[in-house]
Amino acid sequence: MAQAQAGVGIMIERPTEQRLETLKVSSWPIWTKEPSIFPWQYDEREMCYLLEGSATVKTAGGTVSIRAGDLVTFPQGLSCTWHVHHAIRKHYYFG
């Protein structure tokens, strides 16, 4: 079940295998990032499924923590700063 992060607009869920199959997550491209800190702006909505790693994402409304196994939805128009603690490997989908 999705869980909204208050004041942030980011949705985080721990999906079932069935949910991942329904979304066809395994067909999405993969993005990787080493431990780092960087700003990001979402011009489109992004859904991503973290295969490895962990990060905190800071927005004007607060900070959320994400980790391997999370299915995360970032809303269009969100500005944030990523703090990648452990190298990220994730499937992602825009739109």
N, C-alpha and C. Protein backbone atom coordinates (compact mmCIF):
# COMPACT_ATOMS: atom_id res chain seq x y z
N MET A 1 0.84 -1.18 0.00
CA MET A 1 0.00 0.00 0.00
C MET A 1 0.89 1.25 0.00
N ALA A 2 0.52 2.23 -0.80
CA ALA A 2 1.29 3.47 -0.90
C ALA A 2 1.13 4.30 0.36
N GLN A 3 2.18 4.97 0.70
CA GLN A 3 2.18 5.83 1.86
C GLN A 3 2.68 7.21 1.43
N ALA A 4 1.83 8.22 1.58
CA ALA A 4 2.23 9.58 1.23
C ALA A 4 3.08 10.15 2.35
N GLN A 5 4.08 10.89 2.00
CA GLN A 5 4.91 11.55 2.99
C GLN A 5 4.38 12.97 3.17
N ALA A 6 3.88 13.28 4.35
CA ALA A 6 3.20 14.54 4.65
C ALA A 6 3.99 15.76 4.20
N GLY A 7 3.34 16.63 3.44
CA GLY A 7 3.94 17.88 3.02
C GLY A 7 4.98 17.76 1.93
N VAL A 8 5.28 16.56 1.50
CA VAL A 8 6.35 16.35 0.54
C VAL A 8 5.79 15.98 -0.84
N GLY A 9 4.71 15.20 -0.88
CA GLY A 9 4.12 14.77 -2.14
C GLY A 9 4.74 13.53 -2.74
N ILE A 10 5.70 12.94 -2.06
CA ILE A 10 6.36 11.72 -2.53
C ILE A 10 5.60 10.53 -1.97
N MET A 11 5.29 9.56 -2.84
CA MET A 11 4.59 8.34 -2.42
C MET A 11 5.61 7.19 -2.36
N ILE A 12 5.57 6.44 -1.26
CA ILE A 12 6.47 5.30 -1.10
C ILE A 12 5.63 4.08 -0.76
N GLU A 13 5.91 2.97 -1.43
CA GLU A 13 5.22 1.73 -1.11
C GLU A 13 6.20 0.56 -1.16
N ARG A 14 5.85 -0.50 -0.46
CA ARG A 14 6.61 -1.75 -0.51
C ARG A 14 5.77 -2.70 -1.35
N PRO A 15 6.03 -2.75 -2.67
CA PRO A 15 5.14 -3.48 -3.57
C PRO A 15 5.28 -4.99 -3.49
N THR A 16 4.20 -5.66 -3.86
CA THR A 16 4.22 -7.12 -4.01
C THR A 16 4.82 -7.44 -5.37
N GLU A 17 5.21 -8.69 -5.57
CA GLU A 17 5.71 -9.11 -6.88
C GLU A 17 4.63 -8.91 -7.94
N GLN A 18 3.38 -9.14 -7.58
CA GLN A 18 2.28 -8.96 -8.52
C GLN A 18 2.18 -7.50 -8.97
N ARG A 19 2.33 -6.57 -8.03
CA ARG A 19 2.29 -5.14 -8.37
C ARG A 19 3.43 -4.78 -9.32
N LEU A 20 4.62 -5.30 -9.05
CA LEU A 20 5.78 -5.03 -9.92
C LEU A 20 5.55 -5.59 -11.33
N GLU A 21 4.96 -6.78 -11.40
CA GLU A 21 4.66 -7.39 -12.70
C GLU A 21 3.60 -6.58 -13.45
N THR A 22 2.56 -6.13 -12.74
CA THR A 22 1.51 -5.33 -13.36
C THR A 22 2.07 -4.05 -13.97
N LEU A 23 3.01 -3.41 -13.25
CA LEU A 23 3.63 -2.18 -13.75
C LEU A 23 4.72 -2.44 -14.79
N LYS A 24 5.11 -3.72 -14.97
CA LYS A 24 6.18 -4.12 -15.89
C LYS A 24 7.51 -3.45 -15.53
N VAL A 25 7.77 -3.38 -14.23
CA VAL A 25 8.97 -2.70 -13.72
C VAL A 25 10.25 -3.27 -14.32
N SER A 26 10.31 -4.57 -14.53
CA SER A 26 11.55 -5.18 -15.04
C SER A 26 11.89 -4.70 -16.45
N SER A 27 10.93 -4.11 -17.17
CA SER A 27 11.20 -3.60 -18.52
C SER A 27 11.64 -2.13 -18.51
N TRP A 28 11.56 -1.47 -17.35
CA TRP A 28 11.97 -0.07 -17.25
C TRP A 28 13.49 0.04 -17.33
N PRO A 29 14.02 1.17 -17.79
CA PRO A 29 15.49 1.36 -17.81
C PRO A 29 16.05 1.36 -16.37
N ILE A 30 17.35 1.19 -16.28
CA ILE A 30 18.04 1.21 -14.99
C ILE A 30 18.94 2.43 -14.91
N TRP A 31 18.95 3.06 -13.75
CA TRP A 31 19.80 4.22 -13.46
C TRP A 31 20.63 3.89 -12.23
N THR A 32 21.88 4.28 -12.23
CA THR A 32 22.75 4.06 -11.07
C THR A 32 23.39 5.38 -10.65
N LYS A 33 23.71 5.47 -9.38
CA LYS A 33 24.36 6.67 -8.85
C LYS A 33 25.19 6.30 -7.63
N GLU A 34 26.44 6.78 -7.63
CA GLU A 34 27.33 6.55 -6.50
C GLU A 34 26.91 7.46 -5.33
N PRO A 35 27.42 7.19 -4.12
CA PRO A 35 27.13 8.08 -2.99
C PRO A 35 27.50 9.51 -3.35
N SER A 36 26.56 10.42 -3.15
CA SER A 36 26.74 11.81 -3.55
C SER A 36 25.57 12.65 -3.05
N ILE A 37 25.70 13.95 -3.24
CA ILE A 37 24.63 14.90 -2.92
C ILE A 37 24.44 15.77 -4.16
N PHE A 38 23.17 15.87 -4.63
CA PHE A 38 22.91 16.67 -5.83
C PHE A 38 21.47 17.16 -5.86
N PRO A 39 21.25 18.35 -6.46
CA PRO A 39 19.89 18.87 -6.60
C PRO A 39 19.21 18.21 -7.80
N TRP A 40 17.86 18.13 -7.74
CA TRP A 40 17.12 17.56 -8.85
C TRP A 40 15.76 18.23 -8.97
N GLN A 41 15.29 18.37 -10.21
CA GLN A 41 13.96 18.93 -10.51
C GLN A 41 13.23 17.91 -11.36
N TYR A 42 12.01 17.55 -10.97
CA TYR A 42 11.21 16.59 -11.73
C TYR A 42 10.31 17.34 -12.71
N ASP A 43 10.68 17.29 -14.00
CA ASP A 43 9.87 17.94 -15.04
C ASP A 43 8.65 17.09 -15.38
N GLU A 44 8.73 15.80 -15.07
CA GLU A 44 7.63 14.86 -15.25
C GLU A 44 7.51 14.03 -13.98
N ARG A 45 6.37 13.37 -13.80
CA ARG A 45 6.23 12.42 -12.70
C ARG A 45 7.19 11.25 -12.96
N GLU A 46 7.84 10.78 -11.92
CA GLU A 46 8.71 9.61 -12.03
C GLU A 46 8.28 8.56 -11.03
N MET A 47 8.20 7.31 -11.51
CA MET A 47 8.08 6.16 -10.63
C MET A 47 9.40 5.43 -10.71
N CYS A 48 9.89 4.96 -9.57
CA CYS A 48 11.12 4.18 -9.59
C CYS A 48 11.04 3.08 -8.55
N TYR A 49 11.75 1.99 -8.83
CA TYR A 49 11.84 0.86 -7.92
C TYR A 49 13.30 0.65 -7.59
N LEU A 50 13.66 0.83 -6.32
CA LEU A 50 15.05 0.71 -5.91
C LEU A 50 15.45 -0.75 -5.76
N LEU A 51 16.45 -1.15 -6.54
CA LEU A 51 16.99 -2.50 -6.48
C LEU A 51 18.08 -2.60 -5.42
N GLU A 52 18.85 -1.52 -5.29
CA GLU A 52 19.96 -1.48 -4.34
C GLU A 52 20.10 -0.07 -3.81
N GLY A 53 20.66 0.05 -2.61
CA GLY A 53 21.04 1.34 -2.07
C GLY A 53 20.02 2.01 -1.18
N SER A 54 20.39 3.22 -0.76
CA SER A 54 19.52 4.03 0.10
C SER A 54 19.87 5.50 -0.07
N ALA A 55 18.88 6.34 0.21
CA ALA A 55 19.07 7.79 0.08
C ALA A 55 18.04 8.51 0.93
N THR A 56 18.30 9.78 1.18
CA THR A 56 17.28 10.67 1.71
C THR A 56 17.07 11.73 0.64
N VAL A 57 15.82 12.15 0.52
CA VAL A 57 15.44 13.16 -0.47
C VAL A 57 14.82 14.31 0.30
N LYS A 58 15.46 15.47 0.21
CA LYS A 58 15.01 16.64 0.96
C LYS A 58 14.26 17.59 0.03
N THR A 59 13.05 17.99 0.45
CA THR A 59 12.24 18.96 -0.30
C THR A 59 11.91 20.12 0.63
N ALA A 60 11.25 21.14 0.11
CA ALA A 60 10.83 22.27 0.94
C ALA A 60 9.85 21.81 2.01
N GLY A 61 9.14 20.71 1.76
CA GLY A 61 8.14 20.21 2.71
C GLY A 61 8.65 19.20 3.72
N GLY A 62 9.87 18.74 3.56
CA GLY A 62 10.41 17.75 4.49
C GLY A 62 11.40 16.82 3.81
N THR A 63 11.78 15.79 4.53
CA THR A 63 12.76 14.82 4.06
C THR A 63 12.20 13.42 4.17
N VAL A 64 12.43 12.60 3.14
CA VAL A 64 12.01 11.20 3.17
C VAL A 64 13.22 10.31 2.97
N SER A 65 13.15 9.12 3.53
CA SER A 65 14.20 8.12 3.35
C SER A 65 13.66 7.03 2.44
N ILE A 66 14.49 6.61 1.48
CA ILE A 66 14.11 5.52 0.59
C ILE A 66 15.23 4.49 0.58
N ARG A 67 14.84 3.24 0.28
CA ARG A 67 15.81 2.15 0.33
C ARG A 67 15.42 1.06 -0.65
N ALA A 68 16.33 0.11 -0.85
CA ALA A 68 16.07 -1.01 -1.74
C ALA A 68 14.74 -1.66 -1.37
N GLY A 69 13.94 -1.96 -2.40
CA GLY A 69 12.63 -2.57 -2.20
C GLY A 69 11.48 -1.57 -2.21
N ASP A 70 11.80 -0.27 -2.20
CA ASP A 70 10.76 0.76 -2.24
C ASP A 70 10.37 1.07 -3.68
N LEU A 71 9.07 1.25 -3.90
CA LEU A 71 8.53 1.79 -5.14
C LEU A 71 8.14 3.22 -4.81
N VAL A 72 8.77 4.17 -5.47
CA VAL A 72 8.64 5.58 -5.12
C VAL A 72 8.06 6.37 -6.29
N THR A 73 7.11 7.25 -6.00
CA THR A 73 6.56 8.14 -7.02
C THR A 73 6.88 9.58 -6.64
N PHE A 74 7.59 10.27 -7.53
CA PHE A 74 7.93 11.68 -7.35
C PHE A 74 7.00 12.49 -8.25
N PRO A 75 6.32 13.50 -7.71
CA PRO A 75 5.38 14.28 -8.53
C PRO A 75 6.07 15.24 -9.48
N GLN A 76 5.41 15.52 -10.59
CA GLN A 76 5.90 16.51 -11.54
C GLN A 76 6.03 17.85 -10.83
N GLY A 77 7.12 18.55 -11.12
CA GLY A 77 7.34 19.87 -10.54
C GLY A 77 8.10 19.88 -9.23
N LEU A 78 8.39 18.72 -8.66
CA LEU A 78 9.10 18.64 -7.39
C LEU A 78 10.55 19.07 -7.54
N SER A 79 11.01 19.93 -6.65
CA SER A 79 12.43 20.29 -6.54
C SER A 79 12.95 19.67 -5.26
N CYS A 80 14.13 19.07 -5.31
CA CYS A 80 14.64 18.38 -4.13
C CYS A 80 16.16 18.28 -4.20
N THR A 81 16.72 17.78 -3.12
CA THR A 81 18.14 17.45 -3.07
C THR A 81 18.26 16.00 -2.64
N TRP A 82 18.95 15.22 -3.44
CA TRP A 82 19.21 13.82 -3.13
C TRP A 82 20.50 13.71 -2.33
N HIS A 83 20.46 12.89 -1.28
CA HIS A 83 21.64 12.50 -0.51
C HIS A 83 21.74 10.98 -0.64
N VAL A 84 22.56 10.51 -1.55
CA VAL A 84 22.71 9.07 -1.78
C VAL A 84 23.72 8.55 -0.76
N HIS A 85 23.25 7.71 0.16
CA HIS A 85 24.12 7.17 1.22
C HIS A 85 24.85 5.91 0.77
N HIS A 86 24.11 5.01 0.10
CA HIS A 86 24.68 3.77 -0.44
C HIS A 86 24.29 3.72 -1.90
N ALA A 87 25.23 3.38 -2.77
CA ALA A 87 25.03 3.44 -4.22
C ALA A 87 23.64 2.94 -4.63
N ILE A 88 22.99 3.74 -5.47
CA ILE A 88 21.63 3.44 -5.93
C ILE A 88 21.68 2.71 -7.27
N ARG A 89 20.83 1.72 -7.39
CA ARG A 89 20.54 1.05 -8.67
C ARG A 89 19.04 0.92 -8.69
N LYS A 90 18.39 1.54 -9.68
CA LYS A 90 16.93 1.55 -9.69
C LYS A 90 16.38 1.45 -11.10
N HIS A 91 15.18 0.87 -11.22
CA HIS A 91 14.39 0.96 -12.44
C HIS A 91 13.62 2.27 -12.35
N TYR A 92 13.41 2.94 -13.48
CA TYR A 92 12.66 4.19 -13.44
C TYR A 92 11.75 4.33 -14.66
N TYR A 93 10.69 5.13 -14.48
CA TYR A 93 9.72 5.36 -15.55
C TYR A 93 9.19 6.78 -15.42
N PHE A 94 9.27 7.58 -16.48
CA PHE A 94 8.73 8.93 -16.48
C PHE A 94 7.38 8.95 -17.17
N GLY A 95 6.50 9.78 -16.65
CA GLY A 95 5.19 9.97 -17.29
C GLY A 95 4.04 9.60 -16.41
